[in-house]
């Protein structure tokens, strides 16, 4: 059993407290008050309640830290070195359709470097956590990315562009390029869990475009600490800003990136 730091204890305790309300609401999903936030992008009372709990718990534990939250946006803190990056319900559409695949994602950015991350899957009680230099863990068990070296043996995850994103054609070309070489591709509907599953060796890699910082920040720490690589699709490092990411084990990061970069010409 891995020993957790005070920081990770704060993060996991906040995630568990918020999760109790999510699980209760998930059991009554038909009664939730739901409003449209954008094309195929929903926000529910469950999102807001979870985010309110996370904000309160993390602020109580670390009063000076700032926040970047999906619903609440940016809240500056007196400690400019530390910022919480929070997705209170990653997989909202799954949640609202009664599909039990969603997560709470909490990351800490310290001095502009992603320092710690927690991804909690409430329904299965899977607590993924990682801290810089301390490795990645699942419920106390050390995680490593998979060791598969061949595209033909590899399973990848991705996110499909939703209605109104205007990226469908490019994505279809990417998907076609990967499908022709890989063992399979999965679209599960939660970016943070996709990345946690890469860290756990369940997927060899994951990619997505049009992704937000709060969707992937915690997952970045998990994948890195599990021995994987995370970059933009073009190899850059500003994935939180430029909204595209590829994360994979050391053997598949290069080949997956090559396929994705070549994809714009795949249909020509």
Protein backbone atom coordinates (compact mmCIF):
# COMPACT_ATOMS: atom_id res chain seq x y z
CA UNK A 1 0.00 0.00 0.00
CA UNK A 2 1.46 3.35 -1.06
CA UNK A 3 1.81 6.11 1.50
CA UNK A 4 -0.06 9.22 0.38
CA UNK A 5 1.12 12.76 1.04
CA UNK A 6 -0.93 15.41 2.83
CA UNK A 7 -1.63 16.97 -0.56
CA UNK A 8 -3.02 13.76 -2.06
CA UNK A 9 -5.05 13.15 1.10
CA UNK A 10 -6.68 16.56 0.67
CA UNK A 11 -7.46 15.88 -2.98
CA UNK A 12 -8.85 12.38 -2.51
CA UNK A 13 -10.97 13.43 0.49
CA UNK A 14 -12.51 16.27 -1.55
CA UNK A 15 -13.19 13.90 -4.46
CA UNK A 16 -14.89 11.34 -2.22
CA UNK A 17 -17.09 13.95 -0.57
CA UNK A 18 -18.27 15.32 -3.92
CA UNK A 19 -18.72 11.80 -5.26
CA UNK A 20 -21.25 10.88 -2.59
CA UNK A 21 -23.61 13.50 -3.98
CA UNK A 22 -22.94 12.46 -7.58
CA UNK A 23 -23.78 8.85 -6.82
CA UNK A 24 -27.00 9.91 -5.11
CA UNK A 25 -27.98 12.09 -8.07
CA UNK A 26 -27.01 9.36 -10.53
CA UNK A 27 -29.57 7.14 -8.85
CA UNK A 28 -32.22 9.76 -9.56
CA UNK A 29 -30.94 10.91 -12.95
CA UNK A 30 -34.43 11.26 -14.46
CA UNK A 31 -35.34 13.91 -11.90
CA UNK A 32 -32.32 16.17 -12.44
CA UNK A 33 -32.81 19.76 -13.53
CA UNK A 34 -30.83 20.04 -16.78
CA UNK A 35 -30.11 23.08 -18.95
CA UNK A 36 -28.29 23.38 -22.25
CA UNK A 37 -24.85 24.98 -22.06
CA UNK A 38 -24.08 24.57 -25.76
CA UNK A 39 -24.53 22.16 -28.65
CA UNK A 40 -24.57 18.66 -27.20
CA UNK A 41 -22.91 20.02 -24.05
CA UNK A 42 -25.01 19.83 -20.91
CA UNK A 43 -24.73 21.14 -17.40
CA UNK A 44 -26.79 19.75 -14.55
CA UNK A 45 -27.41 20.46 -10.93
CA UNK A 46 -25.04 17.56 -10.26
CA UNK A 47 -22.14 19.40 -11.96
CA UNK A 48 -22.72 22.53 -9.95
CA UNK A 49 -23.16 20.72 -6.65
CA UNK A 50 -19.99 18.67 -7.17
CA UNK A 51 -17.97 21.75 -8.12
CA UNK A 52 -19.28 23.70 -5.10
CA UNK A 53 -18.19 20.90 -2.75
CA UNK A 54 -14.76 20.57 -4.37
CA UNK A 55 -14.18 24.32 -4.24
CA UNK A 56 -15.20 24.54 -0.58
CA UNK A 57 -13.13 21.54 0.53
CA UNK A 58 -9.98 22.50 -1.36
CA UNK A 59 -10.22 26.15 -0.34
CA UNK A 60 -10.59 25.14 3.30
CA UNK A 61 -7.48 22.95 3.09
CA UNK A 62 -5.36 25.35 1.00
CA UNK A 63 -6.89 28.84 1.43
CA UNK A 64 -4.47 30.72 -0.83
CA UNK A 65 -4.59 28.50 -3.90
CA UNK A 66 -6.32 29.66 -7.07
CA UNK A 67 -8.86 27.74 -9.14
CA UNK A 68 -9.62 26.95 -12.76
CA UNK A 69 -12.99 25.20 -12.88
CA UNK A 70 -15.23 24.04 -15.70
CA UNK A 71 -18.32 25.80 -14.41
CA UNK A 72 -16.85 28.55 -12.21
CA UNK A 73 -13.97 29.64 -14.42
CA UNK A 74 -10.85 31.30 -13.00
CA UNK A 75 -10.65 32.34 -9.35
CA UNK A 76 -7.38 34.03 -8.46
CA UNK A 77 -5.68 33.07 -5.22
CA UNK A 78 -3.22 34.90 -3.01
CA UNK A 79 -0.72 32.11 -3.68
CA UNK A 80 0.09 32.68 -7.35
CA UNK A 81 2.23 29.54 -7.55
CA UNK A 82 -0.60 27.05 -7.02
CA UNK A 83 -3.82 26.54 -8.98
CA UNK A 84 -6.41 23.79 -8.70
CA UNK A 85 -7.76 22.63 -12.09
CA UNK A 86 -11.12 20.93 -11.62
CA UNK A 87 -13.68 19.04 -13.65
CA UNK A 88 -16.47 18.20 -11.18
CA UNK A 89 -18.17 15.72 -13.52
CA UNK A 90 -16.19 14.49 -16.50
CA UNK A 91 -18.62 12.47 -18.57
CA UNK A 92 -21.72 14.58 -18.02
CA UNK A 93 -23.51 13.19 -21.06
CA UNK A 94 -22.89 9.63 -19.86
CA UNK A 95 -24.16 10.62 -16.42
CA UNK A 96 -27.35 12.17 -17.77
CA UNK A 97 -28.09 9.08 -19.86
CA UNK A 98 -27.60 6.69 -16.96
CA UNK A 99 -24.28 5.35 -18.24
CA UNK A 100 -22.02 4.65 -15.22
CA UNK A 101 -18.78 5.93 -16.75
CA UNK A 102 -17.87 9.34 -15.37
CA UNK A 103 -15.31 10.81 -13.01
CA UNK A 104 -14.19 13.69 -10.83
CA UNK A 105 -10.88 15.17 -11.95
CA UNK A 106 -8.65 17.35 -9.75
CA UNK A 107 -5.17 18.56 -10.70
CA UNK A 108 -2.74 20.90 -9.00
CA UNK A 109 -0.62 23.15 -11.19
CA UNK A 110 2.42 24.43 -9.30
CA UNK A 111 4.67 27.07 -10.83
CA UNK A 112 3.10 26.35 -14.24
CA UNK A 113 3.90 22.66 -13.98
CA UNK A 114 1.28 19.95 -13.45
CA UNK A 115 2.30 18.61 -10.05
CA UNK A 116 -0.45 16.30 -8.78
CA UNK A 117 -3.61 14.68 -10.10
CA UNK A 118 -6.59 12.68 -8.88
CA UNK A 119 -9.20 11.00 -11.07
CA UNK A 120 -11.98 9.29 -9.14
CA UNK A 121 -14.53 6.95 -10.72
CA UNK A 122 -17.31 6.86 -8.11
CA UNK A 123 -19.42 3.96 -9.35
CA UNK A 124 -16.52 1.47 -9.25
CA UNK A 125 -14.63 3.25 -6.43
CA UNK A 126 -11.46 3.51 -8.49
CA UNK A 127 -9.21 6.28 -7.11
CA UNK A 128 -6.37 7.09 -9.48
CA UNK A 129 -3.77 9.46 -8.07
CA UNK A 130 -0.28 10.69 -8.89
CA UNK A 131 2.17 13.23 -7.53
CA UNK A 132 5.32 14.43 -9.26
CA UNK A 133 8.19 12.10 -8.43
CA UNK A 134 5.95 9.72 -6.45
CA UNK A 135 4.53 7.55 -9.24
CA UNK A 136 0.95 6.84 -10.26
CA UNK A 137 -1.38 4.66 -8.21
CA UNK A 138 -4.82 3.05 -8.23
CA UNK A 139 -6.30 2.43 -4.77
CA UNK A 140 -2.80 1.99 -3.37
CA UNK A 141 -1.42 -0.16 -6.21
CA UNK A 142 1.45 1.25 -8.29
CA UNK A 143 0.60 1.79 -11.95
CA UNK A 144 2.72 1.46 -15.08
CA UNK A 145 1.75 2.11 -18.67
CA UNK A 146 1.57 -0.95 -20.90
CA UNK A 147 4.65 -2.41 -22.58
CA UNK A 148 3.06 -3.19 -25.95
CA UNK A 149 5.32 -2.17 -28.82
CA UNK A 150 3.25 -2.90 -31.93
CA UNK A 151 0.37 -0.90 -33.35
CA UNK A 152 -1.38 -4.11 -34.36
CA UNK A 153 -1.51 -5.16 -30.69
CA UNK A 154 -2.52 -1.77 -29.32
CA UNK A 155 -5.86 -0.43 -28.11
CA UNK A 156 -6.40 3.33 -28.24
CA UNK A 157 -9.00 5.70 -26.82
CA UNK A 158 -10.28 8.95 -28.27
CA UNK A 159 -13.05 11.51 -28.05
CA UNK A 160 -15.47 12.02 -30.95
CA UNK A 161 -16.28 15.65 -31.89
CA UNK A 162 -19.82 16.55 -30.88
CA UNK A 163 -22.49 18.44 -32.77
CA UNK A 164 -21.39 21.95 -33.72
CA UNK A 165 -17.64 21.41 -33.28
CA UNK A 166 -16.91 21.56 -37.06
CA UNK A 167 -14.03 19.10 -36.76
CA UNK A 168 -15.77 15.97 -37.91
CA UNK A 169 -13.98 15.52 -41.24
CA UNK A 170 -10.52 15.85 -39.69
CA UNK A 171 -11.44 13.45 -36.90
CA UNK A 172 -12.80 10.86 -39.32
CA UNK A 173 -9.47 10.95 -41.18
CA UNK A 174 -7.56 10.51 -37.92
CA UNK A 175 -9.81 7.66 -36.86
CA UNK A 176 -9.47 5.94 -40.22
CA UNK A 177 -5.69 6.17 -40.07
CA UNK A 178 -5.54 4.64 -36.58
CA UNK A 179 -8.18 1.98 -37.26
CA UNK A 180 -6.20 0.63 -40.21
CA UNK A 181 -3.16 -0.06 -38.01
CA UNK A 182 -4.38 -0.67 -34.45
CA UNK A 183 -6.10 -3.54 -32.66
CA UNK A 184 -9.01 -1.24 -31.84
CA UNK A 185 -10.27 2.20 -30.87
CA UNK A 186 -12.64 3.01 -28.01
CA UNK A 187 -14.75 6.12 -27.29
CA UNK A 188 -15.90 5.95 -23.67
CA UNK A 189 -16.94 9.56 -23.07
CA UNK A 190 -14.63 10.72 -20.27
CA UNK A 191 -11.20 12.13 -21.13
CA UNK A 192 -9.87 11.98 -17.59
CA UNK A 193 -10.71 8.28 -17.36
CA UNK A 194 -9.27 7.61 -20.80
CA UNK A 195 -5.95 9.02 -19.58
CA UNK A 196 -6.18 7.18 -16.26
CA UNK A 197 -6.68 3.97 -18.21
CA UNK A 198 -3.55 4.73 -20.26
CA UNK A 199 -1.66 5.13 -16.97
CA UNK A 200 -3.08 1.78 -15.82
CA UNK A 201 -1.98 0.00 -19.01
CA UNK A 202 -5.56 -0.64 -20.15
CA UNK A 203 -5.09 1.51 -23.24
CA UNK A 204 -1.80 1.98 -25.09
CA UNK A 205 -2.69 5.55 -25.93
CA UNK A 206 -5.31 8.29 -26.19
CA UNK A 207 -5.77 11.34 -28.39
CA UNK A 208 -8.29 14.15 -28.70
CA UNK A 209 -8.66 17.62 -30.17
CA UNK A 210 -10.84 20.45 -28.87
CA UNK A 211 -10.19 19.28 -25.32
CA UNK A 212 -10.14 21.58 -22.28
CA UNK A 213 -7.49 21.90 -19.58
CA UNK A 214 -9.79 20.61 -16.81
CA UNK A 215 -10.54 17.45 -18.85
CA UNK A 216 -6.92 16.30 -19.08
CA UNK A 217 -4.79 18.05 -16.42
CA UNK A 218 -5.00 15.31 -13.79
CA UNK A 219 -4.61 12.62 -16.44
CA UNK A 220 -1.38 14.20 -17.65
CA UNK A 221 0.19 13.71 -14.22
CA UNK A 222 -1.06 10.12 -14.07
CA UNK A 223 0.34 9.17 -17.48
CA UNK A 224 3.70 10.84 -16.88
CA UNK A 225 4.14 9.28 -13.45
CA UNK A 226 3.19 5.87 -14.87
CA UNK A 227 6.01 6.14 -17.40
CA UNK A 228 4.13 7.45 -20.43
CA UNK A 229 4.54 10.49 -22.66
CA UNK A 230 2.10 13.38 -23.17
CA UNK A 231 2.36 16.04 -25.89
CA UNK A 232 0.29 17.91 -28.42
CA UNK A 233 -0.34 15.95 -31.60
CA UNK A 234 2.39 17.96 -33.33
CA UNK A 235 4.81 17.23 -30.50
CA UNK A 236 4.44 20.56 -28.71
CA UNK A 237 4.02 20.98 -24.97
CA UNK A 238 1.18 23.51 -24.73
CA UNK A 239 -1.62 20.94 -24.73
CA UNK A 240 -3.55 22.69 -21.95
CA UNK A 241 -3.70 25.88 -24.03
CA UNK A 242 -3.90 24.50 -27.56
CA UNK A 243 -6.62 21.95 -26.75
CA UNK A 244 -5.18 18.86 -28.36
CA UNK A 245 -3.32 15.98 -26.79
CA UNK A 246 -1.79 12.59 -27.44
CA UNK A 247 -0.82 10.41 -24.45
CA UNK A 248 0.69 6.95 -24.77
CA UNK A 249 3.21 4.46 -23.55
CA UNK A 250 6.83 5.16 -24.67
CA UNK A 251 6.63 2.71 -27.57
CA UNK A 252 3.32 3.89 -29.03
CA UNK A 253 3.57 7.65 -28.49
CA UNK A 254 5.67 8.16 -31.62
CA UNK A 255 3.77 5.81 -33.96
CA UNK A 256 0.37 7.10 -32.81
CA UNK A 257 1.50 10.69 -33.29
CA UNK A 258 2.82 9.86 -36.75
CA UNK A 259 -0.53 8.40 -37.77
CA UNK A 260 -2.44 11.41 -36.48
CA UNK A 261 -0.14 13.95 -38.14
CA UNK A 262 -0.48 12.15 -41.47
CA UNK A 263 -4.26 11.90 -41.15
CA UNK A 264 -5.18 15.17 -42.96
CA UNK A 265 -3.96 13.54 -46.19
CA UNK A 266 -5.51 10.16 -45.49
CA UNK A 267 -8.63 10.77 -47.60
CA UNK A 268 -6.88 12.44 -50.50
